[in-house]
PDB file of N, CA and C in Angstrom:
ATOM      1  N   MET A   1      10.251 -11.277   4.665  1.00  0.00           N
ATOM      2  CA  MET A   1       9.041 -11.679   5.376  1.00  0.00           C
ATOM      3  C   MET A   1       8.783 -13.182   5.223  1.00  0.00           C
ATOM      4  N   ASN A   2       9.370 -13.790   4.218  1.00  0.00           N
ATOM      5  CA  ASN A   2       9.283 -15.234   4.016  1.00  0.00           C
ATOM      6  C   ASN A   2       7.853 -15.765   4.004  1.00  0.00           C
ATOM      7  N   GLY A   3       6.976 -15.085   3.272  1.00  0.00           N
ATOM      8  CA  GLY A   3       5.622 -15.591   3.093  1.00  0.00           C
ATOM      9  C   GLY A   3       4.664 -15.312   4.233  1.00  0.00           C
ATOM     10  N   SER A   4       5.132 -14.661   5.290  1.00  0.00           N
ATOM     11  CA  SER A   4       4.223 -14.368   6.391  1.00  0.00           C
ATOM     12  C   SER A   4       3.282 -13.245   5.976  1.00  0.00           C
ATOM     13  N   LYS A   5       2.039 -13.324   6.432  1.00  0.00           N
ATOM     14  CA  LYS A   5       1.052 -12.327   6.037  1.00  0.00           C
ATOM     15  C   LYS A   5       1.031 -11.194   7.060  1.00  0.00           C
ATOM     16  N   VAL A   6       1.008  -9.966   6.551  1.00  0.00           N
ATOM     17  CA  VAL A   6       1.020  -8.781   7.398  1.00  0.00           C
ATOM     18  C   VAL A   6      -0.205  -7.944   7.058  1.00  0.00           C
ATOM     19  N   SER A   7      -0.863  -7.449   8.068  1.00  0.00           N
ATOM     20  CA  SER A   7      -2.075  -6.673   7.847  1.00  0.00           C
ATOM     21  C   SER A   7      -1.743  -5.263   7.370  1.00  0.00           C
ATOM     22  N   LEU A   8      -2.463  -4.793   6.359  1.00  0.00           N
ATOM     23  CA  LEU A   8      -2.310  -3.428   5.860  1.00  0.00           C
ATOM     24  C   LEU A   8      -3.630  -2.699   6.049  1.00  0.00           C
ATOM     25  N   CYS A   9      -3.601  -1.578   6.751  1.00  0.00           N
ATOM     26  CA  CYS A   9      -4.807  -0.801   6.996  1.00  0.00           C
ATOM     27  C   CYS A   9      -4.619   0.605   6.435  1.00  0.00           C
ATOM     28  N   ILE A  10      -5.541   1.054   5.597  1.00  0.00           N
ATOM     29  CA  ILE A  10      -5.493   2.408   5.073  1.00  0.00           C
ATOM     30  C   ILE A  10      -6.607   3.219   5.721  1.00  0.00           C
ATOM     31  N   VAL A  11      -6.219   4.286   6.423  1.00  0.00           N
ATOM     32  CA  VAL A  11      -7.175   5.108   7.155  1.00  0.00           C
ATOM     33  C   VAL A  11      -8.085   5.842   6.176  1.00  0.00           C
ATOM     34  N   GLY A  12      -9.382   5.833   6.444  1.00  0.00           N
ATOM     35  CA  GLY A  12     -10.328   6.601   5.645  1.00  0.00           C
ATOM     36  C   GLY A  12     -10.707   5.951   4.325  1.00  0.00           C
ATOM     37  N   SER A  13     -10.385   4.684   4.128  1.00  0.00           N
ATOM     38  CA  SER A  13     -10.693   4.040   2.859  1.00  0.00           C
ATOM     39  C   SER A  13     -11.389   2.708   3.095  1.00  0.00           C
ATOM     40  N   ARG A  14     -12.126   2.253   2.098  1.00  0.00           N
ATOM     41  CA  ARG A  14     -12.792   0.962   2.161  1.00  0.00           C
ATOM     42  C   ARG A  14     -11.775  -0.164   2.088  1.00  0.00           C
ATOM     43  N   PHE A  15     -10.538   0.159   1.653  1.00  0.00           N
ATOM     44  CA  PHE A  15      -9.565  -0.858   1.304  1.00  0.00           C
ATOM     45  C   PHE A  15      -8.902  -1.456   2.534  1.00  0.00           C
ATOM     46  N   ARG A  16      -9.034  -2.770   2.681  1.00  0.00           N
ATOM     47  CA  ARG A  16      -8.342  -3.464   3.762  1.00  0.00           C
ATOM     48  C   ARG A  16      -8.021  -4.869   3.271  1.00  0.00           C
ATOM     49  N   MET A  17      -6.749  -5.158   3.112  1.00  0.00           N
ATOM     50  CA  MET A  17      -6.342  -6.424   2.520  1.00  0.00           C
ATOM     51  C   MET A  17      -5.206  -7.034   3.329  1.00  0.00           C
ATOM     52  N   ARG A  18      -4.870  -8.259   2.993  1.00  0.00           N
ATOM     53  CA  ARG A  18      -3.699  -8.890   3.568  1.00  0.00           C
ATOM     54  C   ARG A  18      -2.688  -9.098   2.449  1.00  0.00           C
ATOM     55  N   ILE A  19      -1.487  -8.621   2.697  1.00  0.00           N
ATOM     56  CA  ILE A  19      -0.449  -8.596   1.671  1.00  0.00           C
ATOM     57  C   ILE A  19       0.641  -9.585   2.047  1.00  0.00           C
ATOM     58  N   VAL A  20       1.180 -10.291   1.062  1.00  0.00           N
ATOM     59  CA  VAL A  20       2.225 -11.271   1.319  1.00  0.00           C
ATOM     60  C   VAL A  20       3.617 -10.682   1.128  1.00  0.00           C
ATOM     61  N   ASN A  21       3.843  -9.997   0.017  1.00  0.00           N
ATOM     62  CA  ASN A  21       5.178  -9.515  -0.298  1.00  0.00           C
ATOM     63  C   ASN A  21       5.284  -8.008  -0.075  1.00  0.00           C
ATOM     64  N   LEU A  22       5.815  -7.617   1.093  1.00  0.00           N
ATOM     65  CA  LEU A  22       5.875  -6.194   1.428  1.00  0.00           C
ATOM     66  C   LEU A  22       6.939  -5.451   0.627  1.00  0.00           C
ATOM     67  N   ASP A  23       7.949  -6.159   0.153  1.00  0.00           N
ATOM     68  CA  ASP A  23       8.959  -5.490  -0.655  1.00  0.00           C
ATOM     69  C   ASP A  23       8.369  -4.999  -1.972  1.00  0.00           C
ATOM     70  N   LEU A  24       7.610  -5.872  -2.650  1.00  0.00           N
ATOM     71  CA  LEU A  24       6.959  -5.455  -3.894  1.00  0.00           C
ATOM     72  C   LEU A  24       5.932  -4.358  -3.627  1.00  0.00           C
ATOM     73  N   LEU A  25       5.192  -4.480  -2.530  1.00  0.00           N
ATOM     74  CA  LEU A  25       4.189  -3.478  -2.210  1.00  0.00           C
ATOM     75  C   LEU A  25       4.842  -2.143  -1.907  1.00  0.00           C
ATOM     76  N   ALA A  26       5.948  -2.153  -1.177  1.00  0.00           N
ATOM     77  CA  ALA A  26       6.644  -0.912  -0.855  1.00  0.00           C
ATOM     78  C   ALA A  26       7.133  -0.219  -2.121  1.00  0.00           C
ATOM     79  N   THR A  27       7.623  -1.007  -3.081  1.00  0.00           N
ATOM     80  CA  THR A  27       8.057  -0.424  -4.350  1.00  0.00           C
ATOM     81  C   THR A  27       6.876   0.217  -5.074  1.00  0.00           C
ATOM     82  N   CYS A  28       5.752  -0.476  -5.072  1.00  0.00           N
ATOM     83  CA  CYS A  28       4.528   0.043  -5.679  1.00  0.00           C
ATOM     84  C   CYS A  28       4.118   1.358  -5.005  1.00  0.00           C
ATOM     85  N   LEU A  29       4.162   1.390  -3.667  1.00  0.00           N
ATOM     86  CA  LEU A  29       3.785   2.588  -2.933  1.00  0.00           C
ATOM     87  C   LEU A  29       4.801   3.705  -3.132  1.00  0.00           C
ATOM     88  N   ASP A  30       6.082   3.357  -3.178  1.00  0.00           N
ATOM     89  CA  ASP A  30       7.108   4.368  -3.433  1.00  0.00           C
ATOM     90  C   ASP A  30       6.816   5.099  -4.732  1.00  0.00           C
ATOM     91  N   ASN A  31       6.523   4.345  -5.787  1.00  0.00           N
ATOM     92  CA  ASN A  31       6.221   4.940  -7.087  1.00  0.00           C
ATOM     93  C   ASN A  31       4.980   5.810  -7.013  1.00  0.00           C
ATOM     94  N   HIS A  32       3.972   5.360  -6.265  1.00  0.00           N
ATOM     95  CA  HIS A  32       2.731   6.106  -6.141  1.00  0.00           C
ATOM     96  C   HIS A  32       2.936   7.392  -5.346  1.00  0.00           C
ATOM     97  N   VAL A  33       3.646   7.279  -4.217  1.00  0.00           N
ATOM     98  CA  VAL A  33       3.861   8.433  -3.342  1.00  0.00           C
ATOM     99  C   VAL A  33       4.692   9.501  -4.040  1.00  0.00           C
ATOM    100  N   ASN A  34       5.656   9.074  -4.843  1.00  0.00           N
ATOM    101  CA  ASN A  34       6.499  10.032  -5.546  1.00  0.00           C
ATOM    102  C   ASN A  34       5.704  10.923  -6.494  1.00  0.00           C
ATOM    103  N   LYS A  35       4.511  10.481  -6.906  1.00  0.00           N
ATOM    104  CA  LYS A  35       3.678  11.264  -7.812  1.00  0.00           C
ATOM    105  C   LYS A  35       2.809  12.278  -7.054  1.00  0.00           C
ATOM    106  N   MET A  36       2.811  12.212  -5.734  1.00  0.00           N
ATOM    107  CA  MET A  36       1.905  13.033  -4.951  1.00  0.00           C
ATOM    108  C   MET A  36       2.678  14.029  -4.094  1.00  0.00           C
ATOM    109  N   LYS A  37       2.161  15.263  -3.996  1.00  0.00           N
ATOM    110  CA  LYS A  37       2.884  16.311  -3.280  1.00  0.00           C
ATOM    111  C   LYS A  37       2.160  16.797  -2.027  1.00  0.00           C
ATOM    112  N   ASN A  38       0.873  17.058  -2.123  1.00  0.00           N
ATOM    113  CA  ASN A  38       0.114  17.556  -0.972  1.00  0.00           C
ATOM    114  C   ASN A  38      -0.327  16.381  -0.116  1.00  0.00           C
ATOM    115  N   LEU A  39       0.256  16.282   1.084  1.00  0.00           N
ATOM    116  CA  LEU A  39       0.078  15.086   1.888  1.00  0.00           C
ATOM    117  C   LEU A  39      -0.779  15.387   3.124  1.00  0.00           C
ATOM    118  N   LYS A  40      -1.889  14.617   3.254  1.00  0.00           N
ATOM    119  CA  LYS A  40      -2.796  14.917   4.361  1.00  0.00           C
ATOM    120  C   LYS A  40      -3.231  13.695   5.161  1.00  0.00           C
ATOM    121  N   THR A  41      -3.404  12.566   4.520  1.00  0.00           N
ATOM    122  CA  THR A  41      -3.904  11.389   5.219  1.00  0.00           C
ATOM    123  C   THR A  41      -2.767  10.400   5.429  1.00  0.00           C
ATOM    124  N   SER A  42      -2.643   9.901   6.656  1.00  0.00           N
ATOM    125  CA  SER A  42      -1.489   9.048   6.942  1.00  0.00           C
ATOM    126  C   SER A  42      -1.738   7.597   6.562  1.00  0.00           C
ATOM    127  N   LEU A  43      -0.672   6.958   6.123  1.00  0.00           N
ATOM    128  CA  LEU A  43      -0.685   5.534   5.799  1.00  0.00           C
ATOM    129  C   LEU A  43       0.402   4.861   6.615  1.00  0.00           C
ATOM    130  N   HIS A  44       0.052   3.797   7.327  1.00  0.00           N
ATOM    131  CA  HIS A  44       1.025   3.075   8.125  1.00  0.00           C
ATOM    132  C   HIS A  44       1.099   1.642   7.634  1.00  0.00           C
ATOM    133  N   MET A  45       2.287   1.205   7.264  1.00  0.00           N
ATOM    134  CA  MET A  45       2.461  -0.181   6.871  1.00  0.00           C
ATOM    135  C   MET A  45       3.220  -0.915   7.962  1.00  0.00           C
ATOM    136  N   MET A  46       2.609  -1.962   8.501  1.00  0.00           N
ATOM    137  CA  MET A  46       3.221  -2.706   9.588  1.00  0.00           C
ATOM    138  C   MET A  46       4.342  -3.590   9.054  1.00  0.00           C
ATOM    139  N   GLY A  47       5.372  -3.762   9.873  1.00  0.00           N
ATOM    140  CA  GLY A  47       6.437  -4.698   9.535  1.00  0.00           C
ATOM    141  C   GLY A  47       7.455  -4.158   8.554  1.00  0.00           C
ATOM    142  N   ARG A  48       7.473  -2.843   8.325  1.00  0.00           N
ATOM    143  CA  ARG A  48       8.441  -2.268   7.396  1.00  0.00           C
ATOM    144  C   ARG A  48       8.735  -0.831   7.784  1.00  0.00           C
ATOM    145  N   ARG A  49       9.874  -0.323   7.322  1.00  0.00           N
ATOM    146  CA  ARG A  49      10.266   1.054   7.607  1.00  0.00           C
ATOM    147  C   ARG A  49       9.315   2.048   6.951  1.00  0.00           C
ATOM    148  N   PHE A  50       8.499   1.575   6.006  1.00  0.00           N
ATOM    149  CA  PHE A  50       7.697   2.457   5.163  1.00  0.00           C
ATOM    150  C   PHE A  50       6.605   3.165   5.965  1.00  0.00           C
ATOM    151  N   LYS A  51       6.652   4.494   5.986  1.00  0.00           N
ATOM    152  CA  LYS A  51       5.606   5.294   6.631  1.00  0.00           C
ATOM    153  C   LYS A  51       5.497   6.599   5.854  1.00  0.00           C
ATOM    154  N   GLU A  52       4.386   6.798   5.187  1.00  0.00           N
ATOM    155  CA  GLU A  52       4.237   7.957   4.333  1.00  0.00           C
ATOM    156  C   GLU A  52       2.882   8.605   4.541  1.00  0.00           C
ATOM    157  N   LYS A  53       2.703   9.731   3.867  1.00  0.00           N
ATOM    158  CA  LYS A  53       1.438  10.438   3.901  1.00  0.00           C
ATOM    159  C   LYS A  53       0.825  10.405   2.499  1.00  0.00           C
ATOM    160  N   ILE A  54      -0.449  10.033   2.430  1.00  0.00           N
ATOM    161  CA  ILE A  54      -1.131   9.888   1.146  1.00  0.00           C
ATOM    162  C   ILE A  54      -2.325  10.842   1.129  1.00  0.00           C
ATOM    163  N   VAL A  55      -2.573  11.481  -0.003  1.00  0.00           N
ATOM    164  CA  VAL A  55      -3.698  12.407  -0.083  1.00  0.00           C
ATOM    165  C   VAL A  55      -4.896  11.811  -0.809  1.00  0.00           C
ATOM    166  N   ASN A  56      -4.663  11.039  -1.864  1.00  0.00           N
ATOM    167  CA  ASN A  56      -5.780  10.514  -2.650  1.00  0.00           C
ATOM    168  C   ASN A  56      -5.901   9.010  -2.451  1.00  0.00           C
ATOM    169  N   LEU A  57      -6.780   8.609  -1.531  1.00  0.00           N
ATOM    170  CA  LEU A  57      -6.897   7.190  -1.197  1.00  0.00           C
ATOM    171  C   LEU A  57      -7.572   6.389  -2.294  1.00  0.00           C
ATOM    172  N   ASP A  58      -8.391   7.042  -3.119  1.00  0.00           N
ATOM    173  CA  ASP A  58      -9.008   6.313  -4.222  1.00  0.00           C
ATOM    174  C   ASP A  58      -7.953   5.857  -5.229  1.00  0.00           C
ATOM    175  N   LEU A  59      -7.033   6.756  -5.580  1.00  0.00           N
ATOM    176  CA  LEU A  59      -5.955   6.383  -6.494  1.00  0.00           C
ATOM    177  C   LEU A  59      -5.066   5.318  -5.862  1.00  0.00           C
ATOM    178  N   LEU A  60      -4.811   5.463  -4.569  1.00  0.00           N
ATOM    179  CA  LEU A  60      -3.966   4.488  -3.893  1.00  0.00           C
ATOM    180  C   LEU A  60      -4.643   3.115  -3.863  1.00  0.00           C
ATOM    181  N   ALA A  61      -5.950   3.101  -3.597  1.00  0.00           N
ATOM    182  CA  ALA A  61      -6.675   1.839  -3.563  1.00  0.00           C
ATOM    183  C   ALA A  61      -6.632   1.152  -4.931  1.00  0.00           C
ATOM    184  N   THR A  62      -6.766   1.940  -6.000  1.00  0.00           N
ATOM    185  CA  THR A  62      -6.670   1.376  -7.344  1.00  0.00           C
ATOM    186  C   THR A  62      -5.287   0.798  -7.584  1.00  0.00           C
ATOM    187  N   CYS A  63      -4.262   1.541  -7.150  1.00  0.00           N
ATOM    188  CA  CYS A  63      -2.883   1.084  -7.283  1.00  0.00           C
ATOM    189  C   CYS A  63      -2.694  -0.235  -6.538  1.00  0.00           C
ATOM    190  N   LEU A  64      -3.228  -0.320  -5.327  1.00  0.00           N
ATOM    191  CA  LEU A  64      -3.093  -1.534  -4.531  1.00  0.00           C
ATOM    192  C   LEU A  64      -3.922  -2.672  -5.106  1.00  0.00           C
ATOM    193  N   ASP A  65      -5.111  -2.362  -5.610  1.00  0.00           N
ATOM    194  CA  ASP A  65      -5.932  -3.393  -6.251  1.00  0.00           C
ATOM    195  C   ASP A  65      -5.160  -4.062  -7.381  1.00  0.00           C
ATOM    196  N   ASN A  66      -4.559  -3.251  -8.241  1.00  0.00           N
ATOM    197  CA  ASN A  66      -3.799  -3.784  -9.374  1.00  0.00           C
ATOM    198  C   ASN A  66      -2.612  -4.611  -8.887  1.00  0.00           C
ATOM    199  N   HIS A  67      -1.952  -4.108  -7.842  1.00  0.00           N
ATOM    200  CA  HIS A  67      -0.780  -4.803  -7.310  1.00  0.00           C
ATOM    201  C   HIS A  67      -1.168  -6.153  -6.712  1.00  0.00           C
ATOM    202  N   VAL A  68      -2.230  -6.159  -5.915  1.00  0.00           N
ATOM    203  CA  VAL A  68      -2.677  -7.394  -5.268  1.00  0.00           C
ATOM    204  C   VAL A  68      -3.152  -8.406  -6.301  1.00  0.00           C
ATOM    205  N   ASN A  69      -3.851  -7.931  -7.323  1.00  0.00           N
ATOM    206  CA  ASN A  69      -4.304  -8.838  -8.374  1.00  0.00           C
ATOM    207  C   ASN A  69      -3.130  -9.493  -9.082  1.00  0.00           C
ATOM    208  N   ARG A  70      -2.060  -8.733  -9.327  1.00  0.00           N
ATOM    209  CA  ARG A  70      -0.874  -9.308  -9.966  1.00  0.00           C
ATOM    210  C   ARG A  70      -0.221 -10.340  -9.059  1.00  0.00           C
ATOM    211  N   MET A  71      -0.237 -10.092  -7.745  1.00  0.00           N
ATOM    212  CA  MET A  71       0.407 -11.002  -6.816  1.00  0.00           C
ATOM    213  C   MET A  71      -0.342 -12.326  -6.705  1.00  0.00           C
ATOM    214  N   TYR A  72      -1.675 -12.254  -6.614  1.00  0.00           N
ATOM    215  CA  TYR A  72      -2.457 -13.459  -6.346  1.00  0.00           C
ATOM    216  C   TYR A  72      -2.901 -14.196  -7.602  1.00  0.00           C
ATOM    217  N   TYR A  73      -2.918 -13.508  -8.734  1.00  0.00           N
ATOM    218  CA  TYR A  73      -3.415 -14.147  -9.940  1.00  0.00           C
ATOM    219  C   TYR A  73      -2.354 -14.262 -11.031  1.00  0.00           C
ATOM    220  N   ALA A  74      -1.097 -14.059 -10.666  1.00  0.00           N
ATOM    221  CA  ALA A  74      -0.016 -14.152 -11.640  1.00  0.00           C
ATOM    222  C   ALA A  74       0.204 -15.618 -12.019  1.00  0.00           C
TER     223      ALA A  74
END
């Protein structure tokens, strides 16, 4: 992505951010999704092959909060 900003929208959640590094974010989401089995709410990430179903958006938002904080405040 070379530093280009891509919009990330999570359906049904307060969380809406702009992410710089989609590779790191995808890894973060891969780890999160692997922990979840019952899938009901869809998550679409623009600019990447990543398309999954997420059930607990609060946990996901916390996961993304931590990830974004590491990216911007590292």
